[in-house]
Protein backbone atom coordinates (compact mmCIF):
# COMPACT_ATOMS: atom_id res chain seq x y z
CA MET A 1 89.19 90.61 104.60
CA ALA A 2 89.65 91.12 107.74
CA LYS A 3 86.38 90.72 109.97
CA PRO A 4 85.45 93.74 112.08
CA SER A 5 86.34 94.29 115.47
CA GLY A 6 85.82 96.11 118.81
CA GLN A 7 83.63 99.67 118.34
CA GLU A 8 83.08 98.69 114.21
CA ALA A 9 81.40 95.27 114.95
CA ARG A 10 79.68 96.95 117.55
CA ASN A 11 78.64 99.40 114.86
CA ILE A 12 77.65 96.72 112.34
CA TYR A 13 75.55 94.95 114.79
CA ALA A 14 73.61 97.97 115.85
CA ARG A 15 72.78 98.75 112.05
CA ALA A 16 71.68 95.08 111.58
CA VAL A 17 69.42 95.14 114.43
CA ALA A 18 67.67 98.27 113.10
CA SER A 19 66.96 97.29 110.04
CA ALA A 20 65.76 94.15 110.85
CA ASN A 21 63.29 96.14 113.14
CA ALA A 22 62.51 98.11 110.48
CA GLY A 23 61.70 95.27 108.11
CA ASP A 24 64.47 95.52 105.60
CA ARG A 25 65.37 91.99 105.93
CA THR A 26 67.87 92.16 102.99
CA THR A 27 69.85 94.76 104.54
CA ALA A 28 70.13 93.32 108.05
CA ILE A 29 71.06 89.78 106.72
CA LYS A 30 73.99 90.94 104.66
CA LEU A 31 75.06 93.00 107.98
CA PHE A 32 74.71 90.18 110.04
CA GLU A 33 76.77 88.01 107.62
CA GLN A 34 79.61 90.54 107.55
CA LEU A 35 79.61 89.70 111.69
CA ILE A 36 80.18 85.81 110.78
CA GLY A 37 83.41 85.05 112.98
CA SER A 38 83.88 88.54 114.26
CA ASP A 39 84.22 89.58 117.65
CA ALA A 40 80.29 90.46 117.98
CA PRO A 41 78.07 87.70 119.91
CA GLN A 42 78.13 84.87 117.63
CA VAL A 43 74.84 83.12 119.02
CA GLN A 44 73.09 86.21 118.57
CA VAL A 45 74.68 86.77 115.10
CA ARG A 46 73.79 83.19 113.94
CA SER A 47 70.23 83.17 115.65
CA ALA A 48 69.28 86.51 113.98
CA LEU A 49 70.32 85.26 110.44
CA VAL A 50 68.51 81.72 110.95
CA ARG A 51 64.76 84.19 112.11
CA LEU A 52 65.63 86.23 108.87
CA ASN A 53 65.98 83.33 106.67
CA LEU A 54 63.03 81.36 107.98
CA ASP A 55 60.88 84.66 107.32
CA ALA A 56 62.67 85.06 103.67
CA HIS A 57 61.87 80.99 103.06
CA ALA A 58 65.29 80.66 102.71
CA TRP A 59 64.75 77.10 104.22
CA THR A 60 68.82 76.18 103.53
CA GLN A 61 70.19 79.18 104.52
CA ALA A 62 68.46 78.86 107.59
CA ALA A 63 69.32 75.42 108.49
CA ASP A 64 73.04 76.19 107.72
CA HIS A 65 73.00 78.68 110.25
CA MET A 66 71.13 76.46 112.65
CA ILE A 67 74.05 73.83 112.12
CA ALA A 68 76.36 76.43 112.74
CA LEU A 69 75.05 77.16 116.17
CA VAL A 70 75.42 73.78 117.12
CA PRO A 71 78.51 73.96 118.85
CA LEU A 72 77.54 77.29 120.36
CA ILE A 73 74.85 75.91 122.47
CA PRO A 74 74.83 73.91 125.46
CA SER A 75 72.07 71.89 124.58
CA PRO A 76 71.48 71.44 120.33
CA ALA A 77 69.12 68.52 120.52
CA GLN A 78 65.97 70.65 119.29
CA LEU A 79 68.01 72.50 116.86
CA LEU A 80 69.34 69.68 115.18
CA ALA A 81 65.74 68.41 114.79
CA ASP A 82 64.59 71.72 113.77
CA ALA A 83 67.50 72.37 111.32
CA ALA A 84 66.83 68.48 109.60
CA ASP A 85 63.06 69.71 109.36
CA THR A 86 64.06 72.26 107.59
CA TYR A 87 66.18 70.96 105.20
CA SER A 88 63.77 68.48 104.75
CA ARG A 89 61.53 71.35 103.39
CA ALA A 90 63.34 72.86 101.13
CA GLY A 91 64.37 69.33 99.46
CA ALA A 92 68.00 69.16 100.48
CA PHE A 93 67.34 65.90 101.81
CA ASP A 94 71.23 64.81 102.12
CA LYS A 95 71.51 67.16 104.49
CA ALA A 96 68.65 66.29 106.57
CA HIS A 97 70.07 63.25 106.24
CA GLU A 98 73.41 64.17 107.67
CA THR A 99 71.71 66.22 110.51
CA TYR A 100 69.36 63.70 111.19
CA GLU A 101 72.26 61.30 112.03
CA HIS A 102 74.15 63.73 114.25
CA LEU A 103 70.63 63.89 115.99
CA HIS A 104 70.85 60.49 116.68
CA ARG A 105 73.99 60.16 117.83
CA ALA A 106 73.18 63.30 120.43
CA MET A 107 69.94 61.48 121.60
CA PRO A 108 70.09 57.85 120.53
CA ASP A 109 67.05 57.13 122.55
CA TYR A 110 64.99 60.08 120.67
CA ALA A 111 62.15 57.62 119.08
CA THR A 112 60.43 60.79 117.55
CA GLY A 113 63.69 61.78 115.77
CA TYR A 114 63.72 58.07 113.88
CA PHE A 115 60.34 58.65 113.21
CA ASN A 116 61.17 62.02 111.37
CA HIS A 117 63.87 60.56 109.85
CA ALA A 118 61.92 57.89 108.18
CA TYR A 119 59.25 60.31 107.02
CA MET A 120 62.00 62.52 105.22
CA LEU A 121 63.37 59.78 103.01
CA ARG A 122 59.90 58.40 102.61
CA THR A 123 59.40 62.29 100.92
CA ALA A 124 62.73 61.60 99.04
CA HIS A 125 61.80 58.44 97.91
CA ARG A 126 64.17 56.50 99.86
CA PHE A 127 61.99 53.70 100.76
CA ASP A 128 64.29 50.97 101.70
CA GLU A 129 65.99 53.31 104.55
CA ALA A 130 62.57 55.28 105.75
CA LEU A 131 61.20 51.49 106.62
CA ALA A 132 64.57 50.94 108.61
CA TYR A 133 63.95 54.25 110.25
CA TYR A 134 60.78 53.52 111.25
CA ASP A 135 61.73 50.06 112.59
CA LYS A 136 64.23 52.08 114.70
CA ALA A 137 60.96 54.15 116.19
CA LEU A 138 59.48 51.18 116.66
CA ALA A 139 62.41 49.88 118.89
CA HIS A 140 62.73 53.01 120.72
CA GLY A 141 59.51 52.85 122.13
CA ILE A 142 57.49 55.35 120.31
CA ASP A 143 54.29 56.74 121.28
CA GLY A 144 51.27 55.94 118.92
CA PRO A 145 52.77 53.07 116.90
CA GLU A 146 50.03 52.36 114.76
CA GLU A 147 50.79 55.50 112.67
CA VAL A 148 54.03 53.73 112.44
CA TRP A 149 53.01 50.65 111.21
CA LEU A 150 50.11 52.90 108.60
CA ASN A 151 53.15 54.76 107.55
CA LYS A 152 55.06 51.52 106.54
CA ALA A 153 51.94 50.12 104.85
CA VAL A 154 51.62 53.30 102.54
CA ILE A 155 55.30 52.80 101.59
CA TYR A 156 54.49 48.82 100.74
CA SER A 157 51.52 49.51 98.86
CA ASP A 158 52.13 52.91 97.17
CA HIS A 159 55.54 52.61 96.57
CA LEU A 160 56.98 49.31 96.84
CA ARG A 161 54.15 47.19 95.26
CA ASP A 162 54.12 44.76 97.93
CA ASP A 163 50.50 44.77 98.94
CA GLY A 164 51.18 41.77 100.65
CA ALA A 165 53.43 43.74 103.56
CA ALA A 166 50.92 46.46 103.21
CA ALA A 167 48.24 44.23 104.47
CA ALA A 168 50.59 43.17 107.41
CA CYS A 169 50.90 46.44 108.70
CA LEU A 170 47.79 47.36 108.65
CA ALA A 171 46.80 44.57 110.88
CA THR A 172 49.57 45.47 113.40
CA ALA A 173 48.11 48.84 113.35
CA LEU A 174 44.86 47.37 113.80
CA ASP A 175 46.07 45.06 116.59
CA ILE A 176 47.39 47.93 118.91
CA LYS A 177 44.78 50.13 118.11
CA ALA A 178 41.24 48.43 116.51
CA ASP A 179 39.48 51.69 116.34
CA TYR A 180 42.09 53.34 113.96
CA VAL A 181 40.24 55.39 111.33
CA PRO A 182 43.25 55.94 109.33
CA ALA A 183 44.45 52.32 109.13
CA LEU A 184 40.65 51.05 108.72
CA LEU A 185 40.43 53.43 105.77
CA ASN A 186 43.87 52.67 103.96
CA ARG A 187 42.68 48.94 104.42
CA ALA A 188 39.77 49.51 102.53
CA ASN A 189 41.33 51.42 99.88
CA LEU A 190 43.52 48.39 99.79
CA TYR A 191 40.91 46.09 99.58
CA GLU A 192 39.21 48.21 96.54
CA GLU A 193 42.60 47.83 94.66
CA MET A 194 42.57 44.44 94.81
CA SER A 195 38.59 43.70 93.96
CA ASP A 196 37.72 42.94 97.08
CA ARG A 197 34.35 44.94 97.51
CA ASP A 198 32.81 43.18 100.33
CA GLY A 199 36.01 43.71 102.21
CA ALA A 200 36.24 47.20 101.30
CA ARG A 201 32.02 48.05 101.88
CA GLU A 202 32.93 46.43 105.26
CA SER A 203 35.77 48.61 106.49
CA TYR A 204 34.39 51.62 105.26
CA ARG A 205 30.90 50.96 107.39
CA ARG A 206 32.85 50.35 110.36
CA VAL A 207 34.67 53.79 109.88
CA VAL A 208 31.38 55.17 109.43
CA GLU A 209 30.46 53.69 113.02
CA LEU A 210 33.15 55.13 114.49
CA ASP A 211 33.28 58.53 113.10
CA PRO A 212 29.45 59.46 111.65
CA HIS A 213 31.06 62.50 110.26
CA ASN A 214 33.62 60.93 107.77
CA THR A 215 33.11 61.74 104.57
CA THR A 216 35.82 60.12 103.00
CA ALA A 217 34.41 56.75 104.14
CA VAL A 218 30.57 58.12 103.26
CA ALA A 219 31.98 59.09 99.46
CA ARG A 220 34.04 56.04 99.01
CA LEU A 221 30.55 53.87 100.00
CA ILE A 222 28.68 56.11 97.49
CA ASN A 223 31.55 54.90 94.80
CA LEU A 224 31.49 51.42 95.68
CA ASP A 225 27.77 51.26 94.85
CA ALA A 226 26.91 54.11 92.58
CA GLY A 227 23.38 53.72 91.05
CA GLU A 228 22.67 51.16 93.47
CA VAL A 229 23.49 53.25 96.46
CA THR A 230 20.27 52.85 99.27
CA SER A 231 18.96 56.33 99.99
CA PRO A 232 20.17 56.38 104.15
CA ILE A 233 23.70 56.44 102.60
CA ARG A 234 22.70 59.30 99.95
CA THR A 235 20.75 61.35 102.27
CA THR A 236 23.53 61.13 104.52
CA ALA A 237 25.98 62.58 102.05
CA GLN A 238 23.75 65.37 100.45
CA LYS A 239 23.27 66.66 104.19
CA MET A 240 26.80 66.68 104.60
CA ALA A 241 28.15 68.30 101.35
CA ASN A 242 25.66 70.81 102.28
CA HIS A 243 26.42 71.35 105.54
CA SER A 244 27.93 75.33 106.31
CA GLY A 245 30.67 73.87 108.48
CA ILE A 246 32.02 71.52 105.99
CA GLN A 247 35.59 71.81 104.81
CA ALA A 248 36.16 72.44 101.10
CA ARG A 249 38.22 69.30 100.31
CA ALA A 250 35.10 67.18 101.76
CA ARG A 251 32.21 69.37 100.30
CA SER A 252 33.90 68.33 96.90
CA SER A 253 34.76 64.69 97.65
CA LEU A 254 30.87 63.97 98.35
CA ASN A 255 29.59 66.20 95.58
CA PHE A 256 32.12 64.19 93.09
CA ALA A 257 30.65 61.05 94.34
CA LEU A 258 26.93 62.28 94.38
CA GLY A 259 27.50 63.14 91.10
CA ARG A 260 28.91 59.77 89.97
CA ASP A 261 25.54 58.13 91.82
CA ALA A 262 23.11 60.08 89.62
CA ASP A 263 25.25 59.55 86.16
CA ALA A 264 24.95 55.96 87.21
CA ARG A 265 20.91 56.35 87.77
CA GLY A 266 21.08 58.09 84.22
CA ASP A 267 20.07 61.25 86.03
CA TYR A 268 22.54 63.27 83.94
CA ASP A 269 21.42 67.19 84.70
CA THR A 270 21.60 66.24 88.36
CA ALA A 271 25.01 64.61 88.04
CA PHE A 272 26.59 67.13 85.68
CA GLU A 273 25.56 69.91 88.47
CA TYR A 274 27.48 67.67 91.28
CA PHE A 275 30.27 67.44 89.45
CA ARG A 276 30.03 71.46 88.47
CA MET A 277 30.06 72.33 92.17
CA ALA A 278 32.42 69.34 93.37
CA ASN A 279 35.14 71.26 90.98
CA GLU A 280 34.13 74.74 91.80
CA THR A 281 34.97 73.95 95.12
CA ALA A 282 38.21 71.99 94.66
CA LYS A 283 39.71 74.92 92.20
CA PRO A 284 40.92 77.29 94.88
CA LEU A 285 42.64 74.20 96.58
CA GLY A 286 45.41 74.09 94.24
CA PRO A 287 47.49 76.37 91.47
CA ALA A 288 45.28 77.99 88.82
CA TYR A 289 45.68 76.78 85.30
CA ASP A 290 47.58 79.16 83.52
CA ARG A 291 47.10 78.33 79.78
CA ALA A 292 49.92 80.68 78.49
CA ALA A 293 52.43 78.81 80.72
CA SER A 294 51.22 75.54 79.29
CA GLU A 295 51.54 76.70 75.83
CA THR A 296 55.18 78.23 76.95
CA PHE A 297 56.06 74.55 78.17
CA THR A 298 54.86 72.49 75.23
CA GLN A 299 57.04 74.73 73.04
CA ASP A 300 60.06 74.45 75.08
CA LEU A 301 59.94 70.70 75.14
CA ILE A 302 59.40 70.47 71.32
CA THR A 303 62.34 73.30 71.04
CA GLN A 304 65.03 71.28 73.68
CA PHE A 305 64.17 67.91 72.55
CA SER A 306 64.70 68.24 68.50
CA LYS A 307 65.78 65.96 65.99
CA ASP A 308 69.19 67.61 66.21
CA TRP A 309 69.49 67.06 69.75
CA PHE A 310 68.52 63.36 69.68
CA ASN A 311 71.13 63.23 66.25
CA LYS A 312 73.75 64.82 68.80
CA LEU A 313 73.54 62.11 71.85
CA PRO A 314 75.59 59.38 72.65
CA VAL A 315 73.91 56.26 73.40
CA TYR A 316 73.02 56.09 77.58
CA SER A 317 71.64 52.86 77.49
CA ASP A 318 70.43 50.35 75.22
CA ALA A 319 67.66 48.93 77.17
CA THR A 320 64.04 49.08 75.66
CA PRO A 321 61.76 50.08 78.37
CA VAL A 322 57.88 50.24 77.70
CA PHE A 323 55.78 52.78 78.97
CA ILE A 324 51.73 53.85 78.34
CA CYS A 325 51.23 57.53 78.55
CA GLY A 326 48.31 59.96 77.04
CA MET A 327 45.92 61.72 78.59
CA PHE A 328 44.31 60.60 82.02
CA ARG A 329 41.27 58.65 81.40
CA SER A 330 41.92 57.65 78.32
CA GLY A 331 42.16 54.06 78.44
CA SER A 332 45.62 53.98 80.02
CA THR A 333 44.33 51.52 82.73
CA LEU A 334 42.63 48.86 80.79
CA THR A 335 45.60 48.92 78.04
CA GLU A 336 48.08 48.02 81.03
CA GLN A 337 45.63 45.46 82.22
CA VAL A 338 45.22 43.96 78.83
CA ILE A 339 49.37 43.55 78.36
CA ALA A 340 49.69 42.26 82.10
CA ALA A 341 47.13 39.27 81.25
CA HIS A 342 49.90 38.14 79.19
CA PRO A 343 52.15 35.69 80.56
CA ASP A 344 55.11 37.70 79.44
CA ALA A 345 54.30 40.69 81.01
CA THR A 346 53.81 42.44 84.20
CA PRO A 347 52.26 45.91 85.18
CA GLY A 348 54.47 48.31 86.79
CA GLY A 349 51.51 50.52 87.48
CA GLU A 350 52.14 54.49 87.70
CA LEU A 351 55.94 54.83 88.56
CA GLU A 352 56.93 58.43 89.45
CA TYR A 353 60.24 58.14 88.28
CA PHE A 354 60.32 60.39 85.33
CA ILE A 355 58.27 63.16 86.52
CA ALA A 356 60.55 63.27 89.82
CA LEU A 357 63.85 63.72 87.90
CA ALA A 358 62.20 66.81 86.44
CA THR A 359 61.18 68.48 89.32
CA ARG A 360 64.00 67.80 91.38
CA GLU A 361 67.19 66.89 89.33
CA LEU A 362 66.75 68.33 86.41
CA ALA A 363 64.61 71.53 87.44
CA PRO A 364 64.14 73.64 85.57
CA PHE A 365 63.07 71.36 82.80
CA PRO A 366 63.34 71.03 80.32
CA ALA A 367 66.44 73.88 80.35
CA ALA A 368 68.02 71.68 82.60
CA VAL A 369 68.81 68.93 80.31
CA ARG A 370 70.95 70.79 78.17
CA GLY A 371 73.72 71.26 80.87
CA THR A 372 73.77 67.61 82.56
CA LYS A 373 76.55 65.59 81.85
CA PRO A 374 77.00 62.42 80.44
CA ASP A 375 78.03 60.26 83.49
CA LYS A 376 74.61 61.96 85.08
CA MET A 377 72.69 61.03 82.36
CA ARG A 378 73.88 57.18 82.78
CA GLU A 379 73.29 57.10 86.19
CA MET A 380 69.64 58.41 85.99
CA ALA A 381 69.32 55.45 83.20
CA ARG A 382 70.99 53.05 85.47
CA HIS A 383 68.90 53.94 88.75
CA TYR A 384 65.34 53.62 86.60
CA LEU A 385 66.59 50.09 85.20
CA GLN A 386 67.55 49.17 89.11
CA LEU A 387 63.97 50.57 90.14
CA LEU A 388 62.27 48.10 88.13
CA ALA A 389 64.81 44.95 88.71
CA LYS A 390 64.29 45.37 92.59
CA ARG A 391 60.47 46.17 92.28
CA PHE A 392 59.44 43.32 89.43
CA PRO A 393 62.49 40.99 89.81
CA GLY A 394 61.84 38.45 86.67
CA GLY A 395 59.10 40.67 85.19
CA GLY A 396 59.87 40.11 81.76
CA LEU A 397 58.20 42.91 79.95
CA ILE A 398 57.24 45.78 82.44
CA THR A 399 55.48 48.42 81.38
CA ASP A 400 55.11 51.98 83.11
CA LYS A 401 51.78 53.38 83.17
CA ARG A 402 52.29 56.84 84.31
CA PRO A 403 49.97 59.11 82.02
CA ASP A 404 51.62 61.97 81.93
CA ASN A 405 54.86 60.63 80.79
CA PHE A 406 53.74 62.07 77.42
CA LEU A 407 55.15 64.95 78.92
CA TYR A 408 58.95 63.19 79.45
CA ILE A 409 59.34 61.08 76.21
CA GLY A 410 61.95 63.45 75.26
CA LEU A 411 63.64 62.97 78.48
CA ILE A 412 62.70 59.04 78.37
CA LYS A 413 64.07 58.81 74.90
CA THR A 414 67.36 60.89 75.82
CA LEU A 415 68.08 58.59 78.35
CA PHE A 416 66.69 54.85 76.70
CA PRO A 417 66.71 55.77 72.62
CA ASN A 418 65.09 52.39 72.50
CA ALA A 419 62.06 52.99 74.42
CA ARG A 420 58.65 52.78 73.17
CA PHE A 421 55.57 53.89 74.00
CA VAL A 422 52.03 52.94 73.69
CA HIS A 423 49.81 56.32 73.48
CA THR A 424 46.24 55.77 74.79
CA THR A 425 43.69 57.65 73.25
CA ARG A 426 40.06 58.85 73.20
CA ASP A 427 37.33 60.45 71.92
CA ALA A 428 38.11 64.16 72.75
CA LEU A 429 34.47 64.93 74.38
CA ASP A 430 34.37 61.89 76.16
CA ASN A 431 37.87 62.28 77.56
CA CYS A 432 37.96 65.81 78.78
CA LEU A 433 34.25 64.97 80.56
CA SER A 434 35.99 61.77 82.11
CA ILE A 435 38.59 63.65 83.68
CA TYR A 436 35.83 66.64 84.49
CA PHE A 437 34.15 63.83 86.38
CA LEU A 438 37.16 62.24 88.33
CA GLU A 439 38.58 63.67 91.36
CA LEU A 440 42.05 64.29 90.80
CA ALA A 441 45.13 65.67 92.60
CA ASP A 442 45.07 69.86 93.13
CA THR A 443 48.07 70.10 90.72
CA LEU A 444 46.23 68.86 87.72
CA SER A 445 44.71 71.94 87.69
CA TYR A 446 43.12 72.07 84.15
CA ALA A 447 40.78 69.25 85.14
CA LYS A 448 38.88 71.97 87.34
CA ASP A 449 37.28 73.77 84.28
CA LEU A 450 36.12 71.93 81.27
CA MET A 451 37.71 74.30 78.95
CA ASP A 452 41.15 74.73 80.53
CA THR A 453 40.63 70.39 80.05
CA GLY A 454 39.57 71.15 76.58
CA HIS A 455 42.98 73.57 76.08
CA PHE A 456 45.47 70.79 77.91
CA TYR A 457 44.15 68.10 75.74
CA ALA A 458 44.91 70.47 72.89
CA GLN A 459 48.47 70.82 74.35
CA GLN A 460 48.89 67.07 74.87
CA VAL A 461 47.78 66.42 71.18
CA SER A 462 50.29 69.20 69.65
CA LEU A 463 53.07 67.71 71.76
CA MET A 464 52.59 63.63 70.84
CA SER A 465 52.33 64.94 67.13
CA HIS A 466 56.04 66.34 67.73
CA TRP A 467 57.25 63.12 69.24
CA LYS A 468 55.40 60.96 66.72
CA THR A 469 57.00 62.72 63.93
CA LEU A 470 60.48 62.27 65.88
CA PHE A 471 60.00 58.15 66.43
CA PRO A 472 57.22 56.90 64.24
CA ASP A 473 58.29 53.85 64.72
CA ASP A 474 58.67 53.49 68.62
CA ILE A 475 54.79 54.89 69.41
CA PHE A 476 51.83 52.98 69.12
CA THR A 477 48.34 55.01 69.41
CA MET A 478 46.10 52.69 71.17
CA SER A 479 42.35 54.10 70.62
CA TYR A 480 40.07 53.12 73.52
CA ASP A 481 37.14 53.52 71.53
CA ALA A 482 38.55 51.22 68.59
CA PHE A 483 39.28 48.67 71.16
CA VAL A 484 36.06 48.30 72.39
CA ALA A 485 34.50 48.29 69.19
CA ASP A 486 36.94 45.38 67.83
CA PRO A 487 39.16 44.05 70.65
CA ARG A 488 40.74 41.44 69.05
CA THR A 489 41.97 43.24 66.27
CA GLN A 490 43.28 46.23 68.31
CA ALA A 491 44.91 43.96 71.12
CA GLY A 492 46.58 41.97 68.40
CA LYS A 493 48.44 45.07 66.83
CA LEU A 494 49.22 45.93 70.44
CA LEU A 495 50.81 43.11 71.21
CA ASP A 496 52.50 42.69 67.66
CA PHE A 497 54.08 46.02 68.78
CA LEU A 498 55.27 44.75 71.72
CA GLY A 499 56.95 41.51 70.05
CA LEU A 500 54.86 39.30 72.37
CA GLU A 501 52.66 36.70 70.86
CA TRP A 502 48.87 36.57 70.85
CA ASN A 503 47.38 35.08 74.05
CA ASP A 504 43.73 34.50 74.59
CA ALA A 505 43.70 35.73 78.36
CA CYS A 506 44.71 39.28 77.05
CA LEU A 507 40.84 39.59 76.11
CA GLU A 508 39.92 38.09 79.73
CA PHE A 509 41.53 40.70 81.84
CA HIS A 510 39.02 41.50 83.58
CA ARG A 511 39.73 37.98 85.38
CA LEU A 512 43.02 39.32 86.84
CA LYS A 513 43.91 39.02 90.72
CA ASN A 514 46.36 41.90 90.38
CA THR A 515 46.24 45.00 92.22
CA VAL A 516 45.40 48.11 90.43
CA LYS A 517 46.25 51.47 91.71
CA THR A 518 43.98 53.75 89.74
CA GLU A 519 40.51 55.12 89.90
CA SER A 520 40.27 52.51 87.24
CA TYR A 521 40.32 49.69 89.12
CA TRP A 522 36.36 48.73 89.20
CA GLN A 523 36.25 49.37 85.45
CA VAL A 524 38.92 47.23 84.65
CA ARG A 525 37.64 44.03 86.97
CA LYS A 526 34.43 43.98 84.25
CA PRO A 527 34.45 42.61 81.03
CA LEU A 528 34.62 44.77 78.28
CA TYR A 529 31.67 47.65 77.84
CA THR A 530 30.98 50.36 75.14
CA GLN A 531 28.88 52.52 77.40
CA SER A 532 31.86 54.76 78.06
CA SER A 533 32.34 55.65 73.88
CA GLY A 534 29.77 58.72 73.26
CA ARG A 535 29.68 59.30 76.72
CA HIS A 536 29.34 62.54 76.11
CA LEU A 537 26.15 62.53 74.52
CA HIS A 538 24.11 62.51 77.70
CA TYR A 539 25.75 66.11 78.22
CA ASP A 540 25.45 67.92 74.98
CA THR A 541 23.28 70.67 76.73
CA HIS A 542 26.04 71.31 79.13
CA ILE A 543 29.37 71.12 76.96
CA LYS A 544 28.79 73.15 73.82
CA ASP A 545 31.68 75.42 74.55
CA LEU A 546 33.82 72.70 74.92
CA ALA A 547 32.20 71.39 71.98
CA SER A 548 32.77 74.26 69.44
CA TYR A 549 36.37 74.88 70.85
CA LEU A 550 37.48 71.20 70.17
CA LYS A 551 36.05 71.28 66.83
CA THR A 552 37.72 74.88 65.86
CA GLU A 553 41.11 72.84 67.42
CA GLY A 554 40.32 70.16 65.04
CA LEU A 555 40.07 67.40 67.47
CA THR A 556 36.41 66.39 67.00
């Protein structure tokens, strides 16, 4: 179709501008798009399309028009930077990467460009590349280099599992700026994960000295010494939590910490009230839990990953990866530590590989799985094995302990038909209560309400029943309550399932010096104890509705 020219182009341009001014974004976009390559002023046309698509949150289209503007303006560097950032926001990471490279060619000494490029690559889980671009930002003299070293530390600690490198990066950041609070907080957290209580306490106290109103440090100090907190720090936390000007996130964190302290002191009514306030404050910070949507998702998984589906699949990989999954707070960290104490096993921690697949390459999940080509399936399986080999070379049996991988057992079994699963379980009331008492991610919206937690627990039971029907020999149920009652027997069954010979060290898991990157890091540093079984008995008067629901569902 011929492009409009002359008076026709001018008329369309006028109509497009009028539509935009009237708020009719859809019509304006269609009209401006007709003018691309026409006699109409192209800078104005593309600029209008950028603005309109940004207003519509059509990030990729907006960035595409920014790129089209680059050869039309004399100084496009800022436009390239904006386009790269917009592609990143859209999750179009390959386009963002290409645009950043264009920016580097245009402005080779622009240190912030390398920093932003690195941040995008980190978001895209391209961690080695991210580290390389952080180094380029440092080499080009970026302002605030301590922030770069902090970001490198987070990659090493949270993603590459290289805590020595993380500690070195944090030390460099603090050498540059000794009072850099974010680095002090991250160092304290790393100390906790490495079971260095004194080091963590010292770092958190240093943060409070520098910033007396730092709620994160105050909350973590209370968590470190729950039940034994000195009255001044408890009083400080209470005053902070009650201050009218405090942000919701900080108020919630402090109330979670105060609840844990009261629970440890046996003041259960006070503890429950703190936990209730913490969750009520946190609830608006994330999406609302949709029970109907949760049920639909469970049914979609059951329908998609049926017996018929698996009967027709080719073999994409004959590898035998091992996964530990189940509800959060069901004993998954304890189970991984038991296995990790075996000389032939390596704890992989909570890897995000399958949740990333489901939310990116296989979105909308699970429907998109059915249309994915075999070559792509093989590639996804291969990439996972490469991830394990790179992070844990010579690791023997490696455990992937992402609790909510129970949602992705169908996907995992599609890629790895020989995969094995340890399903961690716990008394339903204890499990739900423990989730409610822990500050979990906002995305876990069910955790902010006891009845929602009970509903999600029931969905998990239903889904696991489906998986166990399909793969009865490949899923081992590891009951937390049975384990604490008879650890030798249960640990023996677990090791038998995994094909590992008995080793006495597996009952001495609390002596391990490995890094534990979950909220259970202090619990698993203790010898086995039974206090958490039957914990709900302390809170019976507060959980009557939950108990009734779970009983109705046949879960207690």
